[in-house]
Amino acid sequence: MDYPSARCALGCGGFKPDEHGNAVMMDQKMPAGVEAKAFAITVEKEEGSDKPTSPVMLMGTVPAGA
């Protein structure tokens, strides 16, 4: 599978899993003119980061036309 490069990554918010390891992110706005091709989760410092600073832990692609 061809994953988008981390060079084109954008920070889109953070979350903290609950005591059971569950978390949900909803209603994250993409910048105008940006079309998501994939989403990835990295582990970052609590204050966040504009770009990933750690390895990708989970990644999924967005189907064309979604």
PDB file of N, CA and C in Angstrom:
ATOM      1  N   MET A   1       0.856  -1.180   0.000  1.00  0.00           N
ATOM      2  CA  MET A   1       0.000   0.000   0.000  1.00  0.00           C
ATOM      3  C   MET A   1       0.893   1.233   0.000  1.00  0.00           C
ATOM      4  N   ASP A   2       0.550   2.230  -0.754  1.00  0.00           N
ATOM      5  CA  ASP A   2       1.321   3.464  -0.862  1.00  0.00           C
ATOM      6  C   ASP A   2       0.770   4.491   0.113  1.00  0.00           C
ATOM      7  N   TYR A   3       1.497   4.742   1.206  1.00  0.00           N
ATOM      8  CA  TYR A   3       1.052   5.707   2.204  1.00  0.00           C
ATOM      9  C   TYR A   3       1.592   7.084   1.885  1.00  0.00           C
ATOM     10  N   PRO A   4       0.805   8.130   2.142  1.00  0.00           N
ATOM     11  CA  PRO A   4       1.304   9.492   1.943  1.00  0.00           C
ATOM     12  C   PRO A   4       2.518   9.738   2.821  1.00  0.00           C
ATOM     13  N   SER A   5       3.393  10.572   2.356  1.00  0.00           N
ATOM     14  CA  SER A   5       4.617  10.883   3.085  1.00  0.00           C
ATOM     15  C   SER A   5       4.331  11.717   4.312  1.00  0.00           C
ATOM     16  N   ALA A   6       5.126  11.529   5.357  1.00  0.00           N
ATOM     17  CA  ALA A   6       5.003  12.347   6.565  1.00  0.00           C
ATOM     18  C   ALA A   6       5.330  13.807   6.255  1.00  0.00           C
ATOM     19  N   ARG A   7       5.980  14.086   5.129  1.00  0.00           N
ATOM     20  CA  ARG A   7       6.291  15.474   4.771  1.00  0.00           C
ATOM     21  C   ARG A   7       5.032  16.284   4.514  1.00  0.00           C
ATOM     22  N   CYS A   8       3.943  15.647   4.191  1.00  0.00           N
ATOM     23  CA  CYS A   8       2.707  16.374   3.922  1.00  0.00           C
ATOM     24  C   CYS A   8       1.738  16.268   5.092  1.00  0.00           C
ATOM     25  N   ALA A   9       2.228  15.836   6.251  1.00  0.00           N
ATOM     26  CA  ALA A   9       1.365  15.636   7.418  1.00  0.00           C
ATOM     27  C   ALA A   9       0.958  16.958   8.054  1.00  0.00           C
ATOM     28  N   LEU A  10      -0.246  16.983   8.563  1.00  0.00           N
ATOM     29  CA  LEU A  10      -0.773  18.134   9.299  1.00  0.00           C
ATOM     30  C   LEU A  10      -1.235  17.661  10.661  1.00  0.00           C
ATOM     31  N   GLY A  11      -0.973  18.455  11.678  1.00  0.00           N
ATOM     32  CA  GLY A  11      -1.524  18.148  12.989  1.00  0.00           C
ATOM     33  C   GLY A  11      -3.017  18.440  12.963  1.00  0.00           C
ATOM     34  N   CYS A  12      -3.825  17.560  13.507  1.00  0.00           N
ATOM     35  CA  CYS A  12      -5.279  17.812  13.495  1.00  0.00           C
ATOM     36  C   CYS A  12      -5.899  17.546  14.854  1.00  0.00           C
ATOM     37  N   GLY A  13      -5.134  17.803  15.888  1.00  0.00           N
ATOM     38  CA  GLY A  13      -5.689  17.667  17.222  1.00  0.00           C
ATOM     39  C   GLY A  13      -5.126  16.484  17.967  1.00  0.00           C
ATOM     40  N   GLY A  14      -5.418  16.462  19.229  1.00  0.00           N
ATOM     41  CA  GLY A  14      -4.936  15.379  20.067  1.00  0.00           C
ATOM     42  C   GLY A  14      -6.064  14.798  20.884  1.00  0.00           C
ATOM     43  N   PHE A  15      -5.790  13.673  21.504  1.00  0.00           N
ATOM     44  CA  PHE A  15      -6.769  13.036  22.364  1.00  0.00           C
ATOM     45  C   PHE A  15      -6.036  12.216  23.406  1.00  0.00           C
ATOM     46  N   LYS A  16      -6.714  11.930  24.495  1.00  0.00           N
ATOM     47  CA  LYS A  16      -6.189  11.055  25.539  1.00  0.00           C
ATOM     48  C   LYS A  16      -7.143   9.883  25.691  1.00  0.00           C
ATOM     49  N   PRO A  17      -6.630   8.672  25.554  1.00  0.00           N
ATOM     50  CA  PRO A  17      -7.488   7.511  25.783  1.00  0.00           C
ATOM     51  C   PRO A  17      -7.944   7.456  27.245  1.00  0.00           C
ATOM     52  N   ASP A  18      -9.137   6.882  27.477  1.00  0.00           N
ATOM     53  CA  ASP A  18      -9.626   6.720  28.847  1.00  0.00           C
ATOM     54  C   ASP A  18      -8.939   5.522  29.504  1.00  0.00           C
ATOM     55  N   GLU A  19      -9.371   5.178  30.703  1.00  0.00           N
ATOM     56  CA  GLU A  19      -8.732   4.089  31.456  1.00  0.00           C
ATOM     57  C   GLU A  19      -8.868   2.733  30.762  1.00  0.00           C
ATOM     58  N   HIS A  20      -9.764   2.620  29.780  1.00  0.00           N
ATOM     59  CA  HIS A  20      -9.943   1.383  29.025  1.00  0.00           C
ATOM     60  C   HIS A  20      -9.210   1.409  27.678  1.00  0.00           C
ATOM     61  N   GLY A  21      -8.536   2.532  27.382  1.00  0.00           N
ATOM     62  CA  GLY A  21      -7.817   2.670  26.115  1.00  0.00           C
ATOM     63  C   GLY A  21      -8.673   3.173  24.977  1.00  0.00           C
ATOM     64  N   ASN A  22      -9.884   3.647  25.254  1.00  0.00           N
ATOM     65  CA  ASN A  22     -10.802   4.134  24.219  1.00  0.00           C
ATOM     66  C   ASN A  22     -10.697   5.644  24.065  1.00  0.00           C
ATOM     67  N   ALA A  23     -10.829   6.117  22.843  1.00  0.00           N
ATOM     68  CA  ALA A  23     -10.832   7.553  22.573  1.00  0.00           C
ATOM     69  C   ALA A  23     -11.611   7.812  21.291  1.00  0.00           C
ATOM     70  N   VAL A  24     -12.167   9.018  21.172  1.00  0.00           N
ATOM     71  CA  VAL A  24     -12.919   9.414  19.986  1.00  0.00           C
ATOM     72  C   VAL A  24     -12.527  10.837  19.613  1.00  0.00           C
ATOM     73  N   MET A  25     -12.314  11.079  18.337  1.00  0.00           N
ATOM     74  CA  MET A  25     -12.108  12.436  17.816  1.00  0.00           C
ATOM     75  C   MET A  25     -13.205  12.698  16.809  1.00  0.00           C
ATOM     76  N   MET A  26     -13.888  13.823  16.964  1.00  0.00           N
ATOM     77  CA  MET A  26     -14.976  14.149  16.051  1.00  0.00           C
ATOM     78  C   MET A  26     -14.878  15.613  15.645  1.00  0.00           C
ATOM     79  N   ASP A  27     -15.443  15.929  14.477  1.00  0.00           N
ATOM     80  CA  ASP A  27     -15.579  17.312  14.009  1.00  0.00           C
ATOM     81  C   ASP A  27     -14.254  18.055  13.887  1.00  0.00           C
ATOM     82  N   GLN A  28     -13.218  17.380  13.399  1.00  0.00           N
ATOM     83  CA  GLN A  28     -11.952  18.059  13.139  1.00  0.00           C
ATOM     84  C   GLN A  28     -12.020  18.688  11.752  1.00  0.00           C
ATOM     85  N   LYS A  29     -11.796  19.979  11.657  1.00  0.00           N
ATOM     86  CA  LYS A  29     -11.856  20.701  10.382  1.00  0.00           C
ATOM     87  C   LYS A  29     -10.519  20.623   9.662  1.00  0.00           C
ATOM     88  N   MET A  30     -10.563  20.321   8.386  1.00  0.00           N
ATOM     89  CA  MET A  30      -9.367  20.342   7.543  1.00  0.00           C
ATOM     90  C   MET A  30      -9.192  21.761   7.015  1.00  0.00           C
ATOM     91  N   PRO A  31      -7.945  22.186   6.795  1.00  0.00           N
ATOM     92  CA  PRO A  31      -7.734  23.505   6.200  1.00  0.00           C
ATOM     93  C   PRO A  31      -8.396  23.589   4.826  1.00  0.00           C
ATOM     94  N   ALA A  32      -8.823  24.790   4.435  1.00  0.00           N
ATOM     95  CA  ALA A  32      -9.462  24.995   3.129  1.00  0.00           C
ATOM     96  C   ALA A  32      -8.563  24.478   2.010  1.00  0.00           C
ATOM     97  N   GLY A  33      -9.150  23.746   1.081  1.00  0.00           N
ATOM     98  CA  GLY A  33      -8.420  23.243  -0.079  1.00  0.00           C
ATOM     99  C   GLY A  33      -7.622  21.974   0.172  1.00  0.00           C
ATOM    100  N   VAL A  34      -7.666  21.437   1.378  1.00  0.00           N
ATOM    101  CA  VAL A  34      -6.918  20.217   1.698  1.00  0.00           C
ATOM    102  C   VAL A  34      -7.862  19.028   1.655  1.00  0.00           C
ATOM    103  N   GLU A  35      -7.466  18.009   0.916  1.00  0.00           N
ATOM    104  CA  GLU A  35      -8.241  16.775   0.833  1.00  0.00           C
ATOM    105  C   GLU A  35      -7.457  15.662   1.510  1.00  0.00           C
ATOM    106  N   ALA A  36      -8.029  15.066   2.539  1.00  0.00           N
ATOM    107  CA  ALA A  36      -7.343  13.995   3.269  1.00  0.00           C
ATOM    108  C   ALA A  36      -7.249  12.738   2.414  1.00  0.00           C
ATOM    109  N   LYS A  37      -6.071  12.140   2.403  1.00  0.00           N
ATOM    110  CA  LYS A  37      -5.855  10.870   1.710  1.00  0.00           C
ATOM    111  C   LYS A  37      -5.642   9.744   2.721  1.00  0.00           C
ATOM    112  N   ALA A  38      -5.229  10.125   3.931  1.00  0.00           N
ATOM    113  CA  ALA A  38      -4.997   9.149   4.993  1.00  0.00           C
ATOM    114  C   ALA A  38      -4.969   9.869   6.331  1.00  0.00           C
ATOM    115  N   PHE A  39      -5.147   9.103   7.382  1.00  0.00           N
ATOM    116  CA  PHE A  39      -5.011   9.609   8.743  1.00  0.00           C
ATOM    117  C   PHE A  39      -4.059   8.682   9.479  1.00  0.00           C
ATOM    118  N   ALA A  40      -3.237   9.250  10.341  1.00  0.00           N
ATOM    119  CA  ALA A  40      -2.276   8.457  11.103  1.00  0.00           C
ATOM    120  C   ALA A  40      -2.254   8.935  12.542  1.00  0.00           C
ATOM    121  N   ILE A  41      -1.911   8.029  13.431  1.00  0.00           N
ATOM    122  CA  ILE A  41      -1.786   8.356  14.843  1.00  0.00           C
ATOM    123  C   ILE A  41      -0.331   8.172  15.250  1.00  0.00           C
ATOM    124  N   THR A  42       0.208   9.205  15.901  1.00  0.00           N
ATOM    125  CA  THR A  42       1.547   9.145  16.471  1.00  0.00           C
ATOM    126  C   THR A  42       1.436   9.495  17.954  1.00  0.00           C
ATOM    127  N   VAL A  43       2.443   9.160  18.712  1.00  0.00           N
ATOM    128  CA  VAL A  43       2.486   9.514  20.134  1.00  0.00           C
ATOM    129  C   VAL A  43       3.327  10.784  20.250  1.00  0.00           C
ATOM    130  N   GLU A  44       2.708  11.840  20.768  1.00  0.00           N
ATOM    131  CA  GLU A  44       3.386  13.137  20.873  1.00  0.00           C
ATOM    132  C   GLU A  44       3.344  13.645  22.299  1.00  0.00           C
ATOM    133  N   LYS A  45       4.147  14.665  22.568  1.00  0.00           N
ATOM    134  CA  LYS A  45       4.093  15.318  23.873  1.00  0.00           C
ATOM    135  C   LYS A  45       2.703  15.919  24.059  1.00  0.00           C
ATOM    136  N   GLU A  46       2.305  16.121  25.306  1.00  0.00           N
ATOM    137  CA  GLU A  46       0.954  16.598  25.598  1.00  0.00           C
ATOM    138  C   GLU A  46       0.642  17.925  24.923  1.00  0.00           C
ATOM    139  N   GLU A  47       1.625  18.798  24.767  1.00  0.00           N
ATOM    140  CA  GLU A  47       1.374  20.098  24.121  1.00  0.00           C
ATOM    141  C   GLU A  47       1.166  19.976  22.609  1.00  0.00           C
ATOM    142  N   GLY A  48       1.402  18.800  22.045  1.00  0.00           N
ATOM    143  CA  GLY A  48       1.140  18.574  20.631  1.00  0.00           C
ATOM    144  C   GLY A  48       2.290  18.982  19.742  1.00  0.00           C
ATOM    145  N   SER A  49       2.084  18.825  18.444  1.00  0.00           N
ATOM    146  CA  SER A  49       3.106  19.133  17.445  1.00  0.00           C
ATOM    147  C   SER A  49       2.419  19.377  16.106  1.00  0.00           C
ATOM    148  N   ASP A  50       2.951  20.323  15.325  1.00  0.00           N
ATOM    149  CA  ASP A  50       2.397  20.580  13.992  1.00  0.00           C
ATOM    150  C   ASP A  50       2.682  19.441  13.028  1.00  0.00           C
ATOM    151  N   LYS A  51       3.800  18.757  13.226  1.00  0.00           N
ATOM    152  CA  LYS A  51       4.219  17.641  12.370  1.00  0.00           C
ATOM    153  C   LYS A  51       4.552  16.453  13.265  1.00  0.00           C
ATOM    154  N   PRO A  52       4.448  15.236  12.761  1.00  0.00           N
ATOM    155  CA  PRO A  52       4.778  14.060  13.575  1.00  0.00           C
ATOM    156  C   PRO A  52       6.237  14.089  14.025  1.00  0.00           C
ATOM    157  N   THR A  53       6.476  13.689  15.279  1.00  0.00           N
ATOM    158  CA  THR A  53       7.842  13.604  15.795  1.00  0.00           C
ATOM    159  C   THR A  53       8.172  12.188  16.255  1.00  0.00           C
ATOM    160  N   SER A  54       7.238  11.256  16.078  1.00  0.00           N
ATOM    161  CA  SER A  54       7.463   9.870  16.471  1.00  0.00           C
ATOM    162  C   SER A  54       6.956   8.948  15.355  1.00  0.00           C
ATOM    163  N   PRO A  55       7.297   7.672  15.429  1.00  0.00           N
ATOM    164  CA  PRO A  55       6.813   6.739  14.400  1.00  0.00           C
ATOM    165  C   PRO A  55       5.283   6.642  14.389  1.00  0.00           C
ATOM    166  N   VAL A  56       4.736   6.325  13.242  1.00  0.00           N
ATOM    167  CA  VAL A  56       3.292   6.127  13.088  1.00  0.00           C
ATOM    168  C   VAL A  56       2.903   4.836  13.800  1.00  0.00           C
ATOM    169  N   MET A  57       1.890   4.935  14.673  1.00  0.00           N
ATOM    170  CA  MET A  57       1.396   3.780  15.415  1.00  0.00           C
ATOM    171  C   MET A  57       0.220   3.117  14.702  1.00  0.00           C
ATOM    172  N   LEU A  58      -0.575   3.918  13.992  1.00  0.00           N
ATOM    173  CA  LEU A  58      -1.765   3.424  13.295  1.00  0.00           C
ATOM    174  C   LEU A  58      -2.019   4.331  12.111  1.00  0.00           C
ATOM    175  N   MET A  59      -2.332   3.758  10.949  1.00  0.00           N
ATOM    176  CA  MET A  59      -2.620   4.569   9.760  1.00  0.00           C
ATOM    177  C   MET A  59      -3.707   3.899   8.941  1.00  0.00           C
ATOM    178  N   GLY A  60      -4.559   4.717   8.359  1.00  0.00           N
ATOM    179  CA  GLY A  60      -5.602   4.224   7.478  1.00  0.00           C
ATOM    180  C   GLY A  60      -5.825   5.208   6.346  1.00  0.00           C
ATOM    181  N   THR A  61      -6.150   4.699   5.191  1.00  0.00           N
ATOM    182  CA  THR A  61      -6.401   5.560   4.039  1.00  0.00           C
ATOM    183  C   THR A  61      -7.870   5.937   3.959  1.00  0.00           C
ATOM    184  N   VAL A  62      -8.137   6.999   3.231  1.00  0.00           N
ATOM    185  CA  VAL A  62      -9.497   7.470   3.014  1.00  0.00           C
ATOM    186  C   VAL A  62      -9.893   7.058   1.595  1.00  0.00           C
ATOM    187  N   PRO A  63     -11.005   6.344   1.438  1.00  0.00           N
ATOM    188  CA  PRO A  63     -11.421   5.927   0.086  1.00  0.00           C
ATOM    189  C   PRO A  63     -11.652   7.138  -0.819  1.00  0.00           C
ATOM    190  N   ALA A  64     -11.315   7.020  -2.076  1.00  0.00           N
ATOM    191  CA  ALA A  64     -11.535   8.086  -3.049  1.00  0.00           C
ATOM    192  C   ALA A  64     -13.005   8.474  -3.070  1.00  0.00           C
ATOM    193  N   GLY A  65     -13.272   9.768  -3.064  1.00  0.00           N
ATOM    194  CA  GLY A  65     -14.628  10.270  -3.113  1.00  0.00           C
ATOM    195  C   GLY A  65     -15.348  10.279  -1.774  1.00  0.00           C
ATOM    196  N   ALA A  66     -14.650   9.912  -0.722  1.00  0.00           N
ATOM    197  CA  ALA A  66     -15.292   9.878   0.621  1.00  0.00           C
ATOM    198  C   ALA A  66     -15.402  11.260   1.208  1.00  0.00           C
TER     199      ALA A  66
END
